[in-house]
C-alpha atoms as a PDB file:
ATOM      1  CA  MET A   1     109.232 107.492  77.482  1.00  0.00           C
ATOM      2  CA  ILE A   2     107.412 110.020  75.327  1.00  0.00           C
ATOM      3  CA  LYS A   3     104.335 109.606  77.457  1.00  0.00           C
ATOM      4  CA  ARG A   4     106.292 110.423  80.607  1.00  0.00           C
ATOM      5  CA  ARG A   5     107.683 113.634  79.143  1.00  0.00           C
ATOM      6  CA  PHE A   6     104.231 114.732  78.029  1.00  0.00           C
ATOM      7  CA  GLU A   7     102.699 114.005  81.436  1.00  0.00           C
ATOM      8  CA  SER A   8     105.306 116.104  83.180  1.00  0.00           C
ATOM      9  CA  ARG A   9     104.262 119.125  81.098  1.00  0.00           C
ATOM     10  CA  LEU A  10     100.632 118.900  82.135  1.00  0.00           C
ATOM     11  CA  PRO A  11      99.698 121.150  85.021  1.00  0.00           C
ATOM     12  CA  GLN A  12      99.543 119.181  88.234  1.00  0.00           C
ATOM     13  CA  TYR A  13      96.947 120.389  90.681  1.00  0.00           C
ATOM     14  CA  ASP A  14      97.006 119.227  94.242  1.00  0.00           C
ATOM     15  CA  ASN A  15      93.892 117.915  95.920  1.00  0.00           C
ATOM     16  CA  GLU A  16      93.234 121.081  97.929  1.00  0.00           C
ATOM     17  CA  ALA A  17      93.296 123.197  94.746  1.00  0.00           C
ATOM     18  CA  LYS A  18      90.769 120.864  93.118  1.00  0.00           C
ATOM     19  CA  ILE A  19      88.537 121.010  96.186  1.00  0.00           C
ATOM     20  CA  LYS A  20      88.771 124.796  96.221  1.00  0.00           C
ATOM     21  CA  GLN A  21      87.788 124.944  92.532  1.00  0.00           C
ATOM     22  CA  ALA A  22      84.756 122.690  93.173  1.00  0.00           C
ATOM     23  CA  PHE A  23      83.946 124.846  96.208  1.00  0.00           C
ATOM     24  CA  MET A  24      83.800 127.943  93.982  1.00  0.00           C
ATOM     25  CA  ILE A  25      81.509 126.222  91.467  1.00  0.00           C
ATOM     26  CA  LEU A  26      79.184 125.034  94.232  1.00  0.00           C
ATOM     27  CA  SER A  27      79.117 128.530  95.720  1.00  0.00           C
ATOM     28  CA  ARG A  28      77.834 129.819  92.378  1.00  0.00           C
ATOM     29  CA  VAL A  29      75.084 127.206  92.412  1.00  0.00           C
ATOM     30  CA  MET A  30      74.184 127.939  96.029  1.00  0.00           C
ATOM     31  CA  ASN A  31      73.876 131.688  95.426  1.00  0.00           C
ATOM     32  CA  ASP A  32      71.909 131.504  92.160  1.00  0.00           C
ATOM     33  CA  PRO A  33      68.222 132.316  92.825  1.00  0.00           C
ATOM     34  CA  SER A  34      67.143 130.763  89.492  1.00  0.00           C
ATOM     35  CA  ILE A  35      68.081 127.301  90.773  1.00  0.00           C
ATOM     36  CA  PRO A  36      65.470 125.397  92.811  1.00  0.00           C
ATOM     37  CA  ARG A  37      65.889 125.437  96.579  1.00  0.00           C
ATOM     38  CA  ASN A  38      66.502 121.699  96.979  1.00  0.00           C
ATOM     39  CA  ILE A  39      69.423 121.849  94.552  1.00  0.00           C
ATOM     40  CA  ARG A  40      70.904 124.892  96.290  1.00  0.00           C
ATOM     41  CA  ARG A  41      70.527 123.039  99.594  1.00  0.00           C
ATOM     42  CA  ALA A  42      72.379 120.018  98.174  1.00  0.00           C
ATOM     43  CA  ALA A  43      75.170 122.341  97.025  1.00  0.00           C
ATOM     44  CA  MET A  44      75.341 123.727 100.555  1.00  0.00           C
ATOM     45  CA  TYR A  45      75.600 120.198 102.013  1.00  0.00           C
ATOM     46  CA  ALA A  46      78.328 119.350  99.495  1.00  0.00           C
ATOM     47  CA  ILE A  47      80.236 122.488 100.530  1.00  0.00           C
ATOM     48  CA  ARG A  48      79.928 121.412 104.158  1.00  0.00           C
ATOM     49  CA  ALA A  49      81.253 117.962 103.230  1.00  0.00           C
ATOM     50  CA  LEU A  50      84.217 119.548 101.465  1.00  0.00           C
ATOM     51  CA  SER A  51      84.918 121.780 104.472  1.00  0.00           C
ATOM     52  CA  GLU A  52      85.383 118.942 106.988  1.00  0.00           C
ATOM     53  CA  LYS A  53      89.132 119.225 107.625  1.00  0.00           C
ATOM     54  CA  ASN A  54      89.261 116.168 109.899  1.00  0.00           C
ATOM     55  CA  LEU A  55      88.708 113.870 106.880  1.00  0.00           C
ATOM     56  CA  SER A  56      91.160 113.149 104.084  1.00  0.00           C
ATOM     57  CA  PRO A  57      90.673 114.991 100.757  1.00  0.00           C
ATOM     58  CA  GLY A  58      89.572 111.799  98.993  1.00  0.00           C
ATOM     59  CA  VAL A  59      86.856 111.085 101.553  1.00  0.00           C
ATOM     60  CA  ARG A  60      85.624 114.675 101.522  1.00  0.00           C
ATOM     61  CA  ALA A  61      85.449 114.601  97.722  1.00  0.00           C
ATOM     62  CA  ALA A  62      83.646 111.245  97.707  1.00  0.00           C
ATOM     63  CA  ASN A  63      81.073 112.483 100.209  1.00  0.00           C
ATOM     64  CA  ALA A  64      80.401 115.589  98.124  1.00  0.00           C
ATOM     65  CA  VAL A  65      80.154 113.558  94.899  1.00  0.00           C
ATOM     66  CA  GLY A  66      77.569 111.297  96.552  1.00  0.00           C
ATOM     67  CA  ILE A  67      75.429 114.287  97.515  1.00  0.00           C
ATOM     68  CA  LEU A  68      75.735 115.932  94.109  1.00  0.00           C
ATOM     69  CA  ASP A  69      75.167 112.750  92.124  1.00  0.00           C
ATOM     70  CA  GLU A  70      71.888 112.137  93.912  1.00  0.00           C
ATOM     71  CA  VAL A  71      70.523 115.624  93.190  1.00  0.00           C
ATOM     72  CA  SER A  72      71.838 115.729  89.595  1.00  0.00           C
ATOM     73  CA  GLN A  73      69.057 113.328  88.593  1.00  0.00           C
ATOM     74  CA  ASP A  74      66.369 115.894  89.469  1.00  0.00           C
ATOM     75  CA  PRO A  75      64.204 116.566  86.367  1.00  0.00           C
ATOM     76  CA  ASN A  76      63.411 120.118  87.577  1.00  0.00           C
ATOM     77  CA  MET A  77      67.030 121.218  87.444  1.00  0.00           C
ATOM     78  CA  PRO A  78      67.847 123.931  84.901  1.00  0.00           C
ATOM     79  CA  LEU A  79      70.398 122.934  82.267  1.00  0.00           C
ATOM     80  CA  HIS A  80      72.997 125.451  83.378  1.00  0.00           C
ATOM     81  CA  ALA A  81      72.822 124.166  86.946  1.00  0.00           C
ATOM     82  CA  ARG A  82      73.185 120.552  85.795  1.00  0.00           C
ATOM     83  CA  THR A  83      76.258 121.525  83.777  1.00  0.00           C
ATOM     84  CA  LEU A  84      77.792 123.282  86.787  1.00  0.00           C
ATOM     85  CA  LEU A  85      77.126 120.272  89.033  1.00  0.00           C
ATOM     86  CA  TRP A  86      78.615 117.859  86.490  1.00  0.00           C
ATOM     87  CA  ASN A  87      81.653 120.114  86.242  1.00  0.00           C
ATOM     88  CA  ALA A  88      82.103 120.047  90.032  1.00  0.00           C
ATOM     89  CA  ILE A  89      81.601 116.279  90.109  1.00  0.00           C
ATOM     90  CA  SER A  90      84.191 115.704  87.389  1.00  0.00           C
ATOM     91  CA  ILE A  91      86.735 117.814  89.284  1.00  0.00           C
ATOM     92  CA  LEU A  92      86.032 116.039  92.568  1.00  0.00           C
ATOM     93  CA  GLU A  93      86.296 112.588  90.978  1.00  0.00           C
ATOM     94  CA  THR A  94      89.967 113.281  90.236  1.00  0.00           C
ATOM     95  CA  VAL A  95      90.791 113.830  93.930  1.00  0.00           C
ATOM     96  CA  LYS A  96      92.689 110.839  95.274  1.00  0.00           C
ATOM     97  CA  ASP A  97      94.236 110.104  98.661  1.00  0.00           C
END
């Protein structure tokens, strides 16, 4: 019972708000010239995956996570870019259908 009351006080974000937040993070990555081109390109592909309105939010998020997870293993990625990508991935992993 206590757990239920606490959960109701937490801010509840809908899936589209989470996708929009990840979209903003990925836009920062895509427009940062200090980040290697292949990583910026992967951010662009993830943004395209998030923009496909004919798919459900969960599928769009899963597609973007797949793209970002693959590129996050790149050893040439600057630390700040890796942190931004992990942040976007963690937000997108909470999107459910």
